[in-house]
Amino acid sequence: MTENQAPNRVSGKAVVIGLSVFGVAFFIFMLVLALRLTPAAERFHNPTRATSNK
């Protein structure tokens, strides 16, 4: 099995590595976004409960 079988094909290893890197980066990005936007989301969904604890 040679390294470049066809000129317009990507090896499976490169696809797996690319998808893994993208998945990890996307997961970290969404985690940071969720953690940063949690207080804003709480105020948006519960405008009265966030300001006064009744």
Protein backbone atom coordinates (compact mmCIF):
# COMPACT_ATOMS: atom_id res chain seq x y z
CA MET A 1 0.00 0.00 0.00
CA THR A 2 1.69 3.13 -1.20
CA GLU A 3 1.36 6.56 0.41
CA ASN A 4 -0.38 8.27 -2.52
CA GLN A 5 -2.78 5.86 -4.21
CA ALA A 6 -4.69 8.46 -6.23
CA PRO A 7 -3.90 12.14 -6.72
CA ASN A 8 -7.33 13.31 -5.54
CA ARG A 9 -7.72 11.02 -2.50
CA VAL A 10 -6.81 11.71 1.10
CA SER A 11 -5.48 8.90 3.23
CA GLY A 12 -7.77 7.58 5.94
CA LYS A 13 -5.28 8.45 8.65
CA ALA A 14 -5.34 12.13 7.66
CA VAL A 15 -9.15 12.14 7.69
CA VAL A 16 -9.29 10.56 11.16
CA ILE A 17 -6.68 12.97 12.55
CA GLY A 18 -8.43 15.96 10.98
CA LEU A 19 -11.84 14.97 12.30
CA SER A 20 -10.43 14.29 15.76
CA VAL A 21 -8.69 17.67 15.92
CA PHE A 22 -11.81 19.42 14.66
CA GLY A 23 -14.01 17.54 17.13
CA VAL A 24 -11.82 18.37 20.12
CA ALA A 25 -11.48 22.03 19.09
CA PHE A 26 -15.25 22.30 18.49
CA PHE A 27 -16.00 20.68 21.87
CA ILE A 28 -13.65 23.04 23.72
CA PHE A 29 -15.06 26.03 21.85
CA MET A 30 -18.66 25.11 22.71
CA LEU A 31 -17.70 24.39 26.34
CA VAL A 32 -16.04 27.80 26.75
CA LEU A 33 -18.96 29.48 25.02
CA ALA A 34 -21.49 27.72 27.27
CA LEU A 35 -19.57 28.57 30.42
CA ARG A 36 -19.22 32.22 29.41
CA LEU A 37 -22.87 32.61 28.39
CA THR A 38 -24.48 30.80 31.33
CA PRO A 39 -25.16 33.96 33.45
CA ALA A 40 -26.58 35.78 30.44
CA ALA A 41 -28.79 32.80 29.64
CA GLU A 42 -30.04 32.67 33.23
CA ARG A 43 -30.94 36.36 33.16
CA PHE A 44 -32.60 35.96 29.78
CA HIS A 45 -34.77 32.99 30.75
CA ASN A 46 -35.56 34.09 34.30
CA PRO A 47 -35.55 37.90 34.38
CA THR A 48 -37.34 38.14 37.73
CA ARG A 49 -35.76 35.18 39.53
CA ALA A 50 -32.20 36.22 38.68
CA THR A 51 -32.60 39.67 40.24
CA SER A 52 -34.70 38.79 43.30
CA ASN A 53 -34.63 35.49 45.18
CA LYS A 54 -38.31 35.01 46.01
